[in-house]
């Protein structure tokens, strides 16, 4: 069984991504329960599910960073185009 491809994860919507994260964590829990009871037949599934979870969390974090960058870019653009607080330059006293 090959590892899941990250391109499959990139095509998921945000809601599907969250659902996949929950399902993968639940699957890892179930695998741990099977291992503890001695009924685990496919130990390689641990590695596959951990790999899948890492992919899902990586894509989730990438999307969070994109949103933060978008918000900060908008804030900078707004502050440049609409300076709400103008700083006044105080004239230096030339009195001697």
PDB file of N, CA and C in Angstrom:
ATOM      1  N   UNK A   1       0.849  -1.185   0.000  1.00  0.00           N
ATOM      2  CA  UNK A   1       0.000   0.000   0.000  1.00  0.00           C
ATOM      3  C   UNK A   1       0.886   1.238   0.000  1.00  0.00           C
ATOM      4  N   UNK A   2       0.812   2.044  -1.043  1.00  0.00           N
ATOM      5  CA  UNK A   2       1.655   3.242  -1.106  1.00  0.00           C
ATOM      6  C   UNK A   2       1.131   4.343  -0.180  1.00  0.00           C
ATOM      7  N   UNK A   3       2.041   5.254   0.142  1.00  0.00           N
ATOM      8  CA  UNK A   3       1.644   6.398   0.956  1.00  0.00           C
ATOM      9  C   UNK A   3       0.669   7.275   0.177  1.00  0.00           C
ATOM     10  N   UNK A   4      -0.253   7.922   0.871  1.00  0.00           N
ATOM     11  CA  UNK A   4      -1.169   8.843   0.197  1.00  0.00           C
ATOM     12  C   UNK A   4      -0.413  10.055  -0.343  1.00  0.00           C
ATOM     13  N   UNK A   5      -0.871  10.559  -1.456  1.00  0.00           N
ATOM     14  CA  UNK A   5      -0.223  11.701  -2.098  1.00  0.00           C
ATOM     15  C   UNK A   5      -0.766  13.004  -1.509  1.00  0.00           C
ATOM     16  N   UNK A   6       0.115  13.975  -1.374  1.00  0.00           N
ATOM     17  CA  UNK A   6      -0.278  15.255  -0.778  1.00  0.00           C
ATOM     18  C   UNK A   6      -1.188  16.043  -1.726  1.00  0.00           C
ATOM     19  N   UNK A   7      -1.100  15.789  -3.022  1.00  0.00           N
ATOM     20  CA  UNK A   7      -1.974  16.486  -3.970  1.00  0.00           C
ATOM     21  C   UNK A   7      -3.440  16.145  -3.719  1.00  0.00           C
ATOM     22  N   UNK A   8      -3.684  14.926  -3.238  1.00  0.00           N
ATOM     23  CA  UNK A   8      -5.059  14.550  -2.893  1.00  0.00           C
ATOM     24  C   UNK A   8      -5.572  15.423  -1.750  1.00  0.00           C
ATOM     25  N   UNK A   9      -4.697  15.759  -0.833  1.00  0.00           N
ATOM     26  CA  UNK A   9      -5.076  16.576   0.324  1.00  0.00           C
ATOM     27  C   UNK A   9      -5.289  18.023  -0.105  1.00  0.00           C
ATOM     28  N   UNK A  10      -4.463  18.511  -0.999  1.00  0.00           N
ATOM     29  CA  UNK A  10      -4.578  19.905  -1.448  1.00  0.00           C
ATOM     30  C   UNK A  10      -5.912  20.175  -2.139  1.00  0.00           C
ATOM     31  N   UNK A  11      -6.520  19.155  -2.705  1.00  0.00           N
ATOM     32  CA  UNK A  11      -7.782  19.322  -3.418  1.00  0.00           C
ATOM     33  C   UNK A  11      -8.992  19.334  -2.492  1.00  0.00           C
ATOM     34  N   UNK A  12      -8.793  19.065  -1.208  1.00  0.00           N
ATOM     35  CA  UNK A  12      -9.902  19.048  -0.256  1.00  0.00           C
ATOM     36  C   UNK A  12     -10.289  20.466   0.147  1.00  0.00           C
ATOM     37  N   UNK A  13     -11.571  20.650   0.447  1.00  0.00           N
ATOM     38  CA  UNK A  13     -12.014  21.936   0.981  1.00  0.00           C
ATOM     39  C   UNK A  13     -11.625  21.995   2.451  1.00  0.00           C
ATOM     40  N   UNK A  14     -11.792  23.159   3.071  1.00  0.00           N
ATOM     41  CA  UNK A  14     -11.427  23.329   4.477  1.00  0.00           C
ATOM     42  C   UNK A  14     -12.241  22.406   5.384  1.00  0.00           C
ATOM     43  N   UNK A  15     -13.538  22.285   5.116  1.00  0.00           N
ATOM     44  CA  UNK A  15     -14.385  21.420   5.936  1.00  0.00           C
ATOM     45  C   UNK A  15     -13.996  19.952   5.769  1.00  0.00           C
ATOM     46  N   UNK A  16     -13.722  19.554   4.536  1.00  0.00           N
ATOM     47  CA  UNK A  16     -13.298  18.176   4.287  1.00  0.00           C
ATOM     48  C   UNK A  16     -11.955  17.894   4.951  1.00  0.00           C
ATOM     49  N   UNK A  17     -11.084  18.892   4.959  1.00  0.00           N
ATOM     50  CA  UNK A  17      -9.770  18.752   5.580  1.00  0.00           C
ATOM     51  C   UNK A  17      -9.910  18.494   7.077  1.00  0.00           C
ATOM     52  N   UNK A  18     -10.747  19.265   7.731  1.00  0.00           N
ATOM     53  CA  UNK A  18     -10.974  19.089   9.171  1.00  0.00           C
ATOM     54  C   UNK A  18     -11.578  17.711   9.437  1.00  0.00           C
ATOM     55  N   UNK A  19     -12.519  17.286   8.603  1.00  0.00           N
ATOM     56  CA  UNK A  19     -13.139  15.971   8.773  1.00  0.00           C
ATOM     57  C   UNK A  19     -12.107  14.858   8.597  1.00  0.00           C
ATOM     58  N   UNK A  20     -11.211  15.004   7.645  1.00  0.00           N
ATOM     59  CA  UNK A  20     -10.168  14.009   7.420  1.00  0.00           C
ATOM     60  C   UNK A  20      -9.202  13.946   8.607  1.00  0.00           C
ATOM     61  N   UNK A  21      -8.883  15.098   9.183  1.00  0.00           N
ATOM     62  CA  UNK A  21      -8.005  15.123  10.359  1.00  0.00           C
ATOM     63  C   UNK A  21      -8.649  14.347  11.505  1.00  0.00           C
ATOM     64  N   UNK A  22      -9.921  14.602  11.741  1.00  0.00           N
ATOM     65  CA  UNK A  22     -10.643  13.908  12.816  1.00  0.00           C
ATOM     66  C   UNK A  22     -10.682  12.405  12.534  1.00  0.00           C
ATOM     67  N   UNK A  23     -10.984  12.027  11.294  1.00  0.00           N
ATOM     68  CA  UNK A  23     -11.055  10.600  10.950  1.00  0.00           C
ATOM     69  C   UNK A  23      -9.707   9.911  11.106  1.00  0.00           C
ATOM     70  N   UNK A  24      -8.640  10.583  10.712  1.00  0.00           N
ATOM     71  CA  UNK A  24      -7.312   9.989  10.817  1.00  0.00           C
ATOM     72  C   UNK A  24      -6.904   9.825  12.273  1.00  0.00           C
ATOM     73  N   UNK A  25      -7.207  10.830  13.098  1.00  0.00           N
ATOM     74  CA  UNK A  25      -6.907  10.706  14.526  1.00  0.00           C
ATOM     75  C   UNK A  25      -7.716   9.575  15.152  1.00  0.00           C
ATOM     76  N   UNK A  26      -8.966   9.433  14.734  1.00  0.00           N
ATOM     77  CA  UNK A  26      -9.811   8.357  15.251  1.00  0.00           C
ATOM     78  C   UNK A  26      -9.252   6.993  14.819  1.00  0.00           C
ATOM     79  N   UNK A  27      -8.798   6.904  13.579  1.00  0.00           N
ATOM     80  CA  UNK A  27      -8.208   5.658  13.090  1.00  0.00           C
ATOM     81  C   UNK A  27      -6.941   5.300  13.866  1.00  0.00           C
ATOM     82  N   UNK A  28      -6.099   6.287  14.158  1.00  0.00           N
ATOM     83  CA  UNK A  28      -4.900   6.036  14.960  1.00  0.00           C
ATOM     84  C   UNK A  28      -5.277   5.543  16.362  1.00  0.00           C
ATOM     85  N   UNK A  29      -6.317   6.119  16.927  1.00  0.00           N
ATOM     86  CA  UNK A  29      -6.786   5.669  18.240  1.00  0.00           C
ATOM     87  C   UNK A  29      -7.238   4.219  18.172  1.00  0.00           C
ATOM     88  N   UNK A  30      -8.014   3.893  17.136  1.00  0.00           N
ATOM     89  CA  UNK A  30      -8.496   2.519  16.975  1.00  0.00           C
ATOM     90  C   UNK A  30      -7.337   1.545  16.793  1.00  0.00           C
ATOM     91  N   UNK A  31      -6.310   1.957  16.053  1.00  0.00           N
ATOM     92  CA  UNK A  31      -5.143   1.107  15.871  1.00  0.00           C
ATOM     93  C   UNK A  31      -4.423   0.871  17.203  1.00  0.00           C
ATOM     94  N   UNK A  32      -4.329   1.918  18.027  1.00  0.00           N
ATOM     95  CA  UNK A  32      -3.713   1.758  19.340  1.00  0.00           C
ATOM     96  C   UNK A  32      -4.518   0.798  20.212  1.00  0.00           C
ATOM     97  N   UNK A  33      -5.830   0.869  20.108  1.00  0.00           N
ATOM     98  CA  UNK A  33      -6.679  -0.047  20.877  1.00  0.00           C
ATOM     99  C   UNK A  33      -6.480  -1.489  20.403  1.00  0.00           C
ATOM    100  N   UNK A  34      -6.412  -1.685  19.097  1.00  0.00           N
ATOM    101  CA  UNK A  34      -6.178  -3.032  18.569  1.00  0.00           C
ATOM    102  C   UNK A  34      -4.824  -3.570  19.005  1.00  0.00           C
ATOM    103  N   UNK A  35      -3.826  -2.694  19.015  1.00  0.00           N
ATOM    104  CA  UNK A  35      -2.498  -3.117  19.439  1.00  0.00           C
ATOM    105  C   UNK A  35      -2.505  -3.518  20.913  1.00  0.00           C
ATOM    106  N   UNK A  36      -3.181  -2.734  21.728  1.00  0.00           N
ATOM    107  CA  UNK A  36      -3.225  -3.015  23.161  1.00  0.00           C
ATOM    108  C   UNK A  36      -3.942  -4.323  23.462  1.00  0.00           C
ATOM    109  N   UNK A  37      -4.924  -4.665  22.651  1.00  0.00           N
ATOM    110  CA  UNK A  37      -5.668  -5.904  22.880  1.00  0.00           C
ATOM    111  C   UNK A  37      -5.047  -7.083  22.142  1.00  0.00           C
ATOM    112  N   UNK A  38      -3.990  -6.837  21.384  1.00  0.00           N
ATOM    113  CA  UNK A  38      -3.300  -7.915  20.686  1.00  0.00           C
ATOM    114  C   UNK A  38      -3.979  -8.375  19.414  1.00  0.00           C
ATOM    115  N   UNK A  39      -4.877  -7.578  18.865  1.00  0.00           N
ATOM    116  CA  UNK A  39      -5.604  -7.973  17.660  1.00  0.00           C
ATOM    117  C   UNK A  39      -5.145  -7.227  16.412  1.00  0.00           C
ATOM    118  N   UNK A  40      -4.050  -6.483  16.493  1.00  0.00           N
ATOM    119  CA  UNK A  40      -3.565  -5.703  15.361  1.00  0.00           C
ATOM    120  C   UNK A  40      -2.889  -6.623  14.354  1.00  0.00           C
ATOM    121  N   UNK A  41      -3.413  -6.631  13.130  1.00  0.00           N
ATOM    122  CA  UNK A  41      -2.870  -7.493  12.091  1.00  0.00           C
ATOM    123  C   UNK A  41      -1.990  -6.735  11.092  1.00  0.00           C
ATOM    124  N   UNK A  42      -2.177  -5.434  10.989  1.00  0.00           N
ATOM    125  CA  UNK A  42      -1.445  -4.643  10.002  1.00  0.00           C
ATOM    126  C   UNK A  42      -0.740  -3.472  10.679  1.00  0.00           C
ATOM    127  N   UNK A  43       0.417  -3.722  11.285  1.00  0.00           N
ATOM    128  CA  UNK A  43       1.104  -2.647  12.012  1.00  0.00           C
ATOM    129  C   UNK A  43       1.607  -1.521  11.112  1.00  0.00           C
ATOM    130  N   UNK A  44       1.727  -1.767   9.808  1.00  0.00           N
ATOM    131  CA  UNK A  44       2.180  -0.711   8.904  1.00  0.00           C
ATOM    132  C   UNK A  44       1.168   0.428   8.793  1.00  0.00           C
ATOM    133  N   UNK A  45      -0.067   0.169   9.205  1.00  0.00           N
ATOM    134  CA  UNK A  45      -1.091   1.217   9.130  1.00  0.00           C
ATOM    135  C   UNK A  45      -0.787   2.378  10.073  1.00  0.00           C
ATOM    136  N   UNK A  46      -0.045   2.127  11.144  1.00  0.00           N
ATOM    137  CA  UNK A  46       0.386   3.226  12.010  1.00  0.00           C
ATOM    138  C   UNK A  46       1.172   4.249  11.208  1.00  0.00           C
ATOM    139  N   UNK A  47       2.158   3.752  10.489  1.00  0.00           N
ATOM    140  CA  UNK A  47       3.026   4.639   9.720  1.00  0.00           C
ATOM    141  C   UNK A  47       2.233   5.388   8.654  1.00  0.00           C
ATOM    142  N   UNK A  48       1.342   4.705   7.963  1.00  0.00           N
ATOM    143  CA  UNK A  48       0.549   5.338   6.915  1.00  0.00           C
ATOM    144  C   UNK A  48      -0.375   6.414   7.483  1.00  0.00           C
ATOM    145  N   UNK A  49      -1.000   6.119   8.613  1.00  0.00           N
ATOM    146  CA  UNK A  49      -1.914   7.093   9.203  1.00  0.00           C
ATOM    147  C   UNK A  49      -1.179   8.288   9.799  1.00  0.00           C
ATOM    148  N   UNK A  50      -0.020   8.055  10.402  1.00  0.00           N
ATOM    149  CA  UNK A  50       0.769   9.183  10.912  1.00  0.00           C
ATOM    150  C   UNK A  50       1.236  10.060   9.757  1.00  0.00           C
ATOM    151  N   UNK A  51       1.628   9.432   8.662  1.00  0.00           N
ATOM    152  CA  UNK A  51       2.051  10.175   7.471  1.00  0.00           C
ATOM    153  C   UNK A  51       0.882  11.006   6.926  1.00  0.00           C
ATOM    154  N   UNK A  52      -0.282  10.394   6.840  1.00  0.00           N
ATOM    155  CA  UNK A  52      -1.481  11.086   6.350  1.00  0.00           C
ATOM    156  C   UNK A  52      -1.840  12.256   7.267  1.00  0.00           C
ATOM    157  N   UNK A  53      -1.760  12.036   8.578  1.00  0.00           N
ATOM    158  CA  UNK A  53      -2.076  13.105   9.530  1.00  0.00           C
ATOM    159  C   UNK A  53      -1.101  14.261   9.382  1.00  0.00           C
ATOM    160  N   UNK A  54       0.167  13.960   9.195  1.00  0.00           N
ATOM    161  CA  UNK A  54       1.163  15.017   9.000  1.00  0.00           C
ATOM    162  C   UNK A  54       0.857  15.818   7.743  1.00  0.00           C
ATOM    163  N   UNK A  55       0.465  15.137   6.679  1.00  0.00           N
ATOM    164  CA  UNK A  55       0.098  15.841   5.445  1.00  0.00           C
ATOM    165  C   UNK A  55      -1.094  16.762   5.683  1.00  0.00           C
ATOM    166  N   UNK A  56      -2.116  16.241   6.342  1.00  0.00           N
ATOM    167  CA  UNK A  56      -3.326  17.024   6.587  1.00  0.00           C
ATOM    168  C   UNK A  56      -3.026  18.253   7.442  1.00  0.00           C
ATOM    169  N   UNK A  57      -2.248  18.062   8.503  1.00  0.00           N
ATOM    170  CA  UNK A  57      -1.932  19.184   9.382  1.00  0.00           C
ATOM    171  C   UNK A  57      -1.036  20.205   8.681  1.00  0.00           C
ATOM    172  N   UNK A  58      -0.164  19.733   7.803  1.00  0.00           N
ATOM    173  CA  UNK A  58       0.698  20.651   7.051  1.00  0.00           C
ATOM    174  C   UNK A  58      -0.140  21.530   6.130  1.00  0.00           C
ATOM    175  N   UNK A  59      -1.066  20.938   5.413  1.00  0.00           N
ATOM    176  CA  UNK A  59      -1.923  21.711   4.503  1.00  0.00           C
ATOM    177  C   UNK A  59      -2.802  22.672   5.297  1.00  0.00           C
ATOM    178  N   UNK A  60      -3.307  22.227   6.441  1.00  0.00           N
ATOM    179  CA  UNK A  60      -4.118  23.107   7.287  1.00  0.00           C
ATOM    180  C   UNK A  60      -3.298  24.322   7.727  1.00  0.00           C
ATOM    181  N   UNK A  61      -2.061  24.096   8.136  1.00  0.00           N
ATOM    182  CA  UNK A  61      -1.196  25.201   8.576  1.00  0.00           C
ATOM    183  C   UNK A  61      -0.847  26.115   7.413  1.00  0.00           C
ATOM    184  N   UNK A  62      -0.592  25.559   6.239  1.00  0.00           N
ATOM    185  CA  UNK A  62      -0.307  26.389   5.065  1.00  0.00           C
ATOM    186  C   UNK A  62      -1.468  27.328   4.767  1.00  0.00           C
ATOM    187  N   UNK A  63      -2.674  26.793   4.866  1.00  0.00           N
ATOM    188  CA  UNK A  63      -3.856  27.619   4.600  1.00  0.00           C
ATOM    189  C   UNK A  63      -4.025  28.704   5.656  1.00  0.00           C
ATOM    190  N   UNK A  64      -3.719  28.375   6.919  1.00  0.00           N
ATOM    191  CA  UNK A  64      -3.781  29.390   7.978  1.00  0.00           C
ATOM    192  C   UNK A  64      -2.791  30.510   7.697  1.00  0.00           C
ATOM    193  N   UNK A  65      -1.583  30.152   7.304  1.00  0.00           N
ATOM    194  CA  UNK A  65      -0.561  31.161   7.011  1.00  0.00           C
ATOM    195  C   UNK A  65      -0.948  32.023   5.818  1.00  0.00           C
ATOM    196  N   UNK A  66      -1.564  31.406   4.799  1.00  0.00           N
ATOM    197  CA  UNK A  66      -2.027  32.177   3.646  1.00  0.00           C
ATOM    198  C   UNK A  66      -3.077  33.198   4.063  1.00  0.00           C
ATOM    199  N   UNK A  67      -3.995  32.780   4.934  1.00  0.00           N
ATOM    200  CA  UNK A  67      -5.042  33.695   5.393  1.00  0.00           C
ATOM    201  C   UNK A  67      -4.442  34.834   6.209  1.00  0.00           C
ATOM    202  N   UNK A  68      -3.475  34.514   7.079  1.00  0.00           N
ATOM    203  CA  UNK A  68      -2.825  35.557   7.875  1.00  0.00           C
ATOM    204  C   UNK A  68      -2.077  36.537   6.983  1.00  0.00           C
ATOM    205  N   UNK A  69      -1.399  36.032   5.976  1.00  0.00           N
ATOM    206  CA  UNK A  69      -0.669  36.901   5.058  1.00  0.00           C
ATOM    207  C   UNK A  69      -1.632  37.776   4.268  1.00  0.00           C
ATOM    208  N   UNK A  70      -2.753  37.225   3.892  1.00  0.00           N
ATOM    209  CA  UNK A  70      -3.761  37.988   3.152  1.00  0.00           C
ATOM    210  C   UNK A  70      -4.324  39.107   4.008  1.00  0.00           C
ATOM    211  N   UNK A  71      -4.606  38.807   5.263  1.00  0.00           N
ATOM    212  CA  UNK A  71      -5.149  39.810   6.177  1.00  0.00           C
ATOM    213  C   UNK A  71      -4.120  40.910   6.421  1.00  0.00           C
ATOM    214  N   UNK A  72      -2.869  40.536   6.651  1.00  0.00           N
ATOM    215  CA  UNK A  72      -1.850  41.552   6.912  1.00  0.00           C
ATOM    216  C   UNK A  72      -1.591  42.400   5.672  1.00  0.00           C
ATOM    217  N   UNK A  73      -1.675  41.797   4.493  1.00  0.00           N
ATOM    218  CA  UNK A  73      -1.511  42.558   3.255  1.00  0.00           C
ATOM    219  C   UNK A  73      -2.646  43.556   3.094  1.00  0.00           C
ATOM    220  N   UNK A  74      -3.864  43.133   3.415  1.00  0.00           N
ATOM    221  CA  UNK A  74      -5.003  44.042   3.333  1.00  0.00           C
ATOM    222  C   UNK A  74      -4.869  45.176   4.335  1.00  0.00           C
ATOM    223  N   UNK A  75      -4.399  44.874   5.532  1.00  0.00           N
ATOM    224  CA  UNK A  75      -4.224  45.910   6.547  1.00  0.00           C
ATOM    225  C   UNK A  75      -3.183  46.929   6.105  1.00  0.00           C
ATOM    226  N   UNK A  76      -2.107  46.478   5.513  1.00  0.00           N
ATOM    227  CA  UNK A  76      -1.066  47.385   5.029  1.00  0.00           C
ATOM    228  C   UNK A  76      -1.616  48.236   3.900  1.00  0.00           C
ATOM    229  N   UNK A  77      -2.351  47.625   2.987  1.00  0.00           N
ATOM    230  CA  UNK A  77      -2.919  48.369   1.862  1.00  0.00           C
ATOM    231  C   UNK A  77      -3.912  49.417   2.359  1.00  0.00           C
ATOM    232  N   UNK A  78      -4.713  49.074   3.350  1.00  0.00           N
ATOM    233  CA  UNK A  78      -5.674  50.024   3.897  1.00  0.00           C
ATOM    234  C   UNK A  78      -4.974  51.161   4.623  1.00  0.00           C
ATOM    235  N   UNK A  79      -3.929  50.860   5.347  1.00  0.00           N
ATOM    236  CA  UNK A  79      -3.239  51.914   6.084  1.00  0.00           C
ATOM    237  C   UNK A  79      -2.496  52.856   5.153  1.00  0.00           C
ATOM    238  N   UNK A  80      -2.047  52.354   4.013  1.00  0.00           N
ATOM    239  CA  UNK A  80      -1.360  53.206   3.047  1.00  0.00           C
ATOM    240  C   UNK A  80      -2.353  54.080   2.301  1.00  0.00           C
ATOM    241  N   UNK A  81      -3.494  53.504   1.907  1.00  0.00           N
ATOM    242  CA  UNK A  81      -4.459  54.270   1.125  1.00  0.00           C
ATOM    243  C   UNK A  81      -5.319  55.194   1.981  1.00  0.00           C
ATOM    244  N   UNK A  82      -5.574  54.834   3.229  1.00  0.00           N
ATOM    245  CA  UNK A  82      -6.404  55.637   4.124  1.00  0.00           C
ATOM    246  C   UNK A  82      -5.669  55.870   5.444  1.00  0.00           C
ATOM    247  N   UNK A  83      -4.736  56.784   5.452  1.00  0.00           N
ATOM    248  CA  UNK A  83      -4.018  57.016   6.719  1.00  0.00           C
ATOM    249  C   UNK A  83      -4.950  57.691   7.723  1.00  0.00           C
ATOM    250  N   UNK A  84      -5.390  56.960   8.707  1.00  0.00           N
ATOM    251  CA  UNK A  84      -6.349  57.490   9.673  1.00  0.00           C
ATOM    252  C   UNK A  84      -5.676  58.372  10.714  1.00  0.00           C
ATOM    253  N   UNK A  85      -4.461  58.080  11.014  1.00  0.00           N
ATOM    254  CA  UNK A  85      -3.756  58.902  11.992  1.00  0.00           C
ATOM    255  C   UNK A  85      -2.544  59.525  11.315  1.00  0.00           C
ATOM    256  N   UNK A  86      -2.687  60.783  10.976  1.00  0.00           N
ATOM    257  CA  UNK A  86      -1.574  61.477  10.328  1.00  0.00           C
ATOM    258  C   UNK A  86      -0.665  62.046  11.389  1.00  0.00           C
ATOM    259  N   UNK A  87       0.581  61.890  11.184  1.00  0.00           N
ATOM    260  CA  UNK A  87       1.532  62.428  12.158  1.00  0.00           C
ATOM    261  C   UNK A  87       1.945  63.817  11.705  1.00  0.00           C
ATOM    262  N   UNK A  88       1.924  64.717  12.636  1.00  0.00           N
ATOM    263  CA  UNK A  88       2.313  66.081  12.301  1.00  0.00           C
ATOM    264  C   UNK A  88       3.766  66.268  12.620  1.00  0.00           C
ATOM    265  N   UNK A  89       4.430  66.955  11.739  1.00  0.00           N
ATOM    266  CA  UNK A  89       5.831  67.241  11.932  1.00  0.00           C
ATOM    267  C   UNK A  89       5.934  68.558  12.675  1.00  0.00           C
ATOM    268  N   UNK A  90       6.555  68.506  13.811  1.00  0.00           N
ATOM    269  CA  UNK A  90       6.670  69.707  14.604  1.00  0.00           C
ATOM    270  C   UNK A  90       7.889  70.487  14.134  1.00  0.00           C
ATOM    271  N   UNK A  91       7.697  71.778  14.009  1.00  0.00           N
ATOM    272  CA  UNK A  91       8.788  72.631  13.551  1.00  0.00           C
ATOM    273  C   UNK A  91       9.748  72.845  14.704  1.00  0.00           C
ATOM    274  N   UNK A  92      10.988  72.812  14.363  1.00  0.00           N
ATOM    275  CA  UNK A  92      12.022  72.995  15.389  1.00  0.00           C
ATOM    276  C   UNK A  92      12.126  74.489  15.705  1.00  0.00           C
ATOM    277  N   UNK A  93      12.327  74.773  16.959  1.00  0.00           N
ATOM    278  CA  UNK A  93      12.482  76.171  17.368  1.00  0.00           C
ATOM    279  C   UNK A  93      13.859  76.654  16.960  1.00  0.00           C
ATOM    280  N   UNK A  94      13.890  77.796  16.277  1.00  0.00           N
ATOM    281  CA  UNK A  94      15.156  78.364  15.854  1.00  0.00           C
ATOM    282  C   UNK A  94      15.541  79.553  16.740  1.00  0.00           C
ATOM    283  N   UNK A  95      15.025  79.576  17.917  1.00  0.00           N
ATOM    284  CA  UNK A  95      15.343  80.691  18.799  1.00  0.00           C
ATOM    285  C   UNK A  95      16.681  80.444  19.471  1.00  0.00           C
ATOM    286  N   UNK A  96      17.440  81.493  19.555  1.00  0.00           N
ATOM    287  CA  UNK A  96      18.773  81.393  20.151  1.00  0.00           C
ATOM    288  C   UNK A  96      18.856  82.154  21.422  1.00  0.00           C
TER     289      UNK A  96
END
